[in-house]
Amino acid sequence: MMRQGRKGFGKCREGLPLPDNGTVPLSMLKPGEQGVVSKILCGRNLLCRMTSLGFTPGAQVTMIQNYGHGPLIAQVRGARVALGRGEASRVQVIRNA
């Protein structure tokens, strides 16, 4: 469901801007899909938490479990990490082809 917003930005399911440069929120990856962390759109506290878990720009991420609601499980830097949907929607990734 993409709605046109201002200056070519759409809206993703979580209500966050969806840039046109091919990045998607981590919460939109399906199980088995891989991506590379592009950026993290959040405040200082959540940024510190996400970087300490290994979600830094350039890090390879594999989605392990994502039912479309509730928490999800992603693998980053060899560790499986459970994230809330709100946290995961702040991590922008570029899908691997």
C-alpha atoms as a PDB file:
ATOM      1  CA  MET A   1       0.000   0.000   0.000  1.00  0.00           C
ATOM      2  CA  MET A   2       1.867   3.010  -1.233  1.00  0.00           C
ATOM      3  CA  ARG A   3       0.385   6.464  -0.931  1.00  0.00           C
ATOM      4  CA  GLN A   4       2.054   9.393  -2.572  1.00  0.00           C
ATOM      5  CA  GLY A   5       3.367  11.893  -0.090  1.00  0.00           C
ATOM      6  CA  ARG A   6       5.461  14.943  -0.585  1.00  0.00           C
ATOM      7  CA  LYS A   7       8.440  15.028  -2.954  1.00  0.00           C
ATOM      8  CA  GLY A   8       8.196  11.420  -4.151  1.00  0.00           C
ATOM      9  CA  PHE A   9       8.067   9.820  -0.721  1.00  0.00           C
ATOM     10  CA  GLY A  10       5.499   7.107  -0.072  1.00  0.00           C
ATOM     11  CA  LYS A  11       4.435   5.658   3.242  1.00  0.00           C
ATOM     12  CA  CYS A  12       5.259   2.177   4.434  1.00  0.00           C
ATOM     13  CA  ARG A  13       2.887   0.118   6.569  1.00  0.00           C
ATOM     14  CA  GLU A  14       4.390   1.441   9.775  1.00  0.00           C
ATOM     15  CA  GLY A  15       3.755   5.053   8.757  1.00  0.00           C
ATOM     16  CA  LEU A  16       7.425   5.931   8.284  1.00  0.00           C
ATOM     17  CA  PRO A  17       8.649   7.559   5.063  1.00  0.00           C
ATOM     18  CA  LEU A  18       9.722   5.084   2.394  1.00  0.00           C
ATOM     19  CA  PRO A  19      12.587   6.658   0.395  1.00  0.00           C
ATOM     20  CA  ASP A  20      12.807   6.105  -3.360  1.00  0.00           C
ATOM     21  CA  ASN A  21      16.448   4.918  -3.192  1.00  0.00           C
ATOM     22  CA  GLY A  22      15.559   1.225  -2.771  1.00  0.00           C
ATOM     23  CA  THR A  23      15.757   1.013   1.002  1.00  0.00           C
ATOM     24  CA  VAL A  24      12.992  -0.627   3.017  1.00  0.00           C
ATOM     25  CA  PRO A  25      12.418  -0.968   6.752  1.00  0.00           C
ATOM     26  CA  LEU A  26      13.878  -4.155   8.247  1.00  0.00           C
ATOM     27  CA  SER A  27      10.362  -5.085   9.360  1.00  0.00           C
ATOM     28  CA  MET A  28       9.330  -5.520   5.696  1.00  0.00           C
ATOM     29  CA  LEU A  29      11.857  -8.271   4.912  1.00  0.00           C
ATOM     30  CA  LYS A  30      10.425 -11.769   4.570  1.00  0.00           C
ATOM     31  CA  PRO A  31      11.993 -14.809   6.253  1.00  0.00           C
ATOM     32  CA  GLY A  32      15.129 -15.848   4.377  1.00  0.00           C
ATOM     33  CA  GLU A  33      15.613 -12.447   2.741  1.00  0.00           C
ATOM     34  CA  GLN A  34      18.915 -10.666   3.223  1.00  0.00           C
ATOM     35  CA  GLY A  35      19.879  -7.044   3.177  1.00  0.00           C
ATOM     36  CA  VAL A  36      22.537  -4.548   4.139  1.00  0.00           C
ATOM     37  CA  VAL A  37      21.875  -1.901   6.777  1.00  0.00           C
ATOM     38  CA  SER A  38      21.755   1.491   5.106  1.00  0.00           C
ATOM     39  CA  LYS A  39      20.831   3.795   7.988  1.00  0.00           C
ATOM     40  CA  ILE A  40      18.945   3.959  11.261  1.00  0.00           C
ATOM     41  CA  LEU A  41      16.233   6.587  11.645  1.00  0.00           C
ATOM     42  CA  CYS A  42      15.900   7.173  15.380  1.00  0.00           C
ATOM     43  CA  GLY A  43      17.005   9.142  18.400  1.00  0.00           C
ATOM     44  CA  ARG A  44      20.179   8.777  20.383  1.00  0.00           C
ATOM     45  CA  ASN A  45      18.934   6.144  22.861  1.00  0.00           C
ATOM     46  CA  LEU A  46      17.619   3.735  20.249  1.00  0.00           C
ATOM     47  CA  LEU A  47      20.640   4.400  18.035  1.00  0.00           C
ATOM     48  CA  CYS A  48      22.959   3.344  20.883  1.00  0.00           C
ATOM     49  CA  ARG A  49      20.911   0.193  21.462  1.00  0.00           C
ATOM     50  CA  MET A  50      20.819  -0.774  17.789  1.00  0.00           C
ATOM     51  CA  THR A  51      24.536  -0.207  17.242  1.00  0.00           C
ATOM     52  CA  SER A  52      25.394  -2.221  20.349  1.00  0.00           C
ATOM     53  CA  LEU A  53      23.322  -5.088  18.904  1.00  0.00           C
ATOM     54  CA  GLY A  54      25.338  -4.904  15.661  1.00  0.00           C
ATOM     55  CA  PHE A  55      22.998  -2.930  13.399  1.00  0.00           C
ATOM     56  CA  THR A  56      25.513  -0.539  11.861  1.00  0.00           C
ATOM     57  CA  PRO A  57      25.634   0.755   8.279  1.00  0.00           C
ATOM     58  CA  GLY A  58      27.097  -1.922   6.021  1.00  0.00           C
ATOM     59  CA  ALA A  59      26.176  -4.849   8.284  1.00  0.00           C
ATOM     60  CA  GLN A  60      24.644  -7.895   6.548  1.00  0.00           C
ATOM     61  CA  VAL A  61      21.210  -8.834   7.967  1.00  0.00           C
ATOM     62  CA  THR A  62      19.187 -12.009   7.393  1.00  0.00           C
ATOM     63  CA  MET A  63      15.535 -12.189   8.402  1.00  0.00           C
ATOM     64  CA  ILE A  64      14.921 -15.387  10.385  1.00  0.00           C
ATOM     65  CA  GLN A  65      11.307 -14.967  11.527  1.00  0.00           C
ATOM     66  CA  ASN A  66       8.721 -12.342  10.621  1.00  0.00           C
ATOM     67  CA  TYR A  67       5.032 -13.176  10.981  1.00  0.00           C
ATOM     68  CA  GLY A  68       3.910  -9.665  10.045  1.00  0.00           C
ATOM     69  CA  HIS A  69       2.870  -8.757  13.598  1.00  0.00           C
ATOM     70  CA  GLY A  70       4.645  -8.761  16.934  1.00  0.00           C
ATOM     71  CA  PRO A  71       8.403  -9.165  17.347  1.00  0.00           C
ATOM     72  CA  LEU A  72      10.715 -10.508  14.674  1.00  0.00           C
ATOM     73  CA  ILE A  73      14.050 -12.305  14.699  1.00  0.00           C
ATOM     74  CA  ALA A  74      16.966 -11.160  12.535  1.00  0.00           C
ATOM     75  CA  GLN A  75      20.516 -12.414  12.287  1.00  0.00           C
ATOM     76  CA  VAL A  76      23.256  -9.790  12.264  1.00  0.00           C
ATOM     77  CA  ARG A  77      27.003 -10.349  12.694  1.00  0.00           C
ATOM     78  CA  GLY A  78      26.424 -14.021  13.581  1.00  0.00           C
ATOM     79  CA  ALA A  79      23.932 -13.338  16.380  1.00  0.00           C
ATOM     80  CA  ARG A  80      20.165 -13.792  16.359  1.00  0.00           C
ATOM     81  CA  VAL A  81      18.420 -10.720  17.687  1.00  0.00           C
ATOM     82  CA  ALA A  82      14.737 -10.322  18.605  1.00  0.00           C
ATOM     83  CA  LEU A  83      13.410  -6.849  17.830  1.00  0.00           C
ATOM     84  CA  GLY A  84      10.073  -5.199  18.355  1.00  0.00           C
ATOM     85  CA  ARG A  85       8.280  -4.154  15.187  1.00  0.00           C
ATOM     86  CA  GLY A  86       8.733  -0.459  16.052  1.00  0.00           C
ATOM     87  CA  GLU A  87      12.495  -0.868  16.464  1.00  0.00           C
ATOM     88  CA  ALA A  88      12.787  -2.881  13.263  1.00  0.00           C
ATOM     89  CA  SER A  89      10.841  -0.279  11.288  1.00  0.00           C
ATOM     90  CA  ARG A  90      13.539   2.301  12.133  1.00  0.00           C
ATOM     91  CA  VAL A  91      16.347   0.259  10.533  1.00  0.00           C
ATOM     92  CA  GLN A  92      16.556   0.914   6.783  1.00  0.00           C
ATOM     93  CA  VAL A  93      18.058  -1.892   4.683  1.00  0.00           C
ATOM     94  CA  ILE A  94      18.870  -2.430   1.023  1.00  0.00           C
ATOM     95  CA  ARG A  95      17.605  -5.825  -0.142  1.00  0.00           C
ATOM     96  CA  ASN A  96      20.182  -8.138  -1.681  1.00  0.00           C
ATOM     97  CA  ALA A  97      19.341  -9.262  -5.192  1.00  0.00           C
END
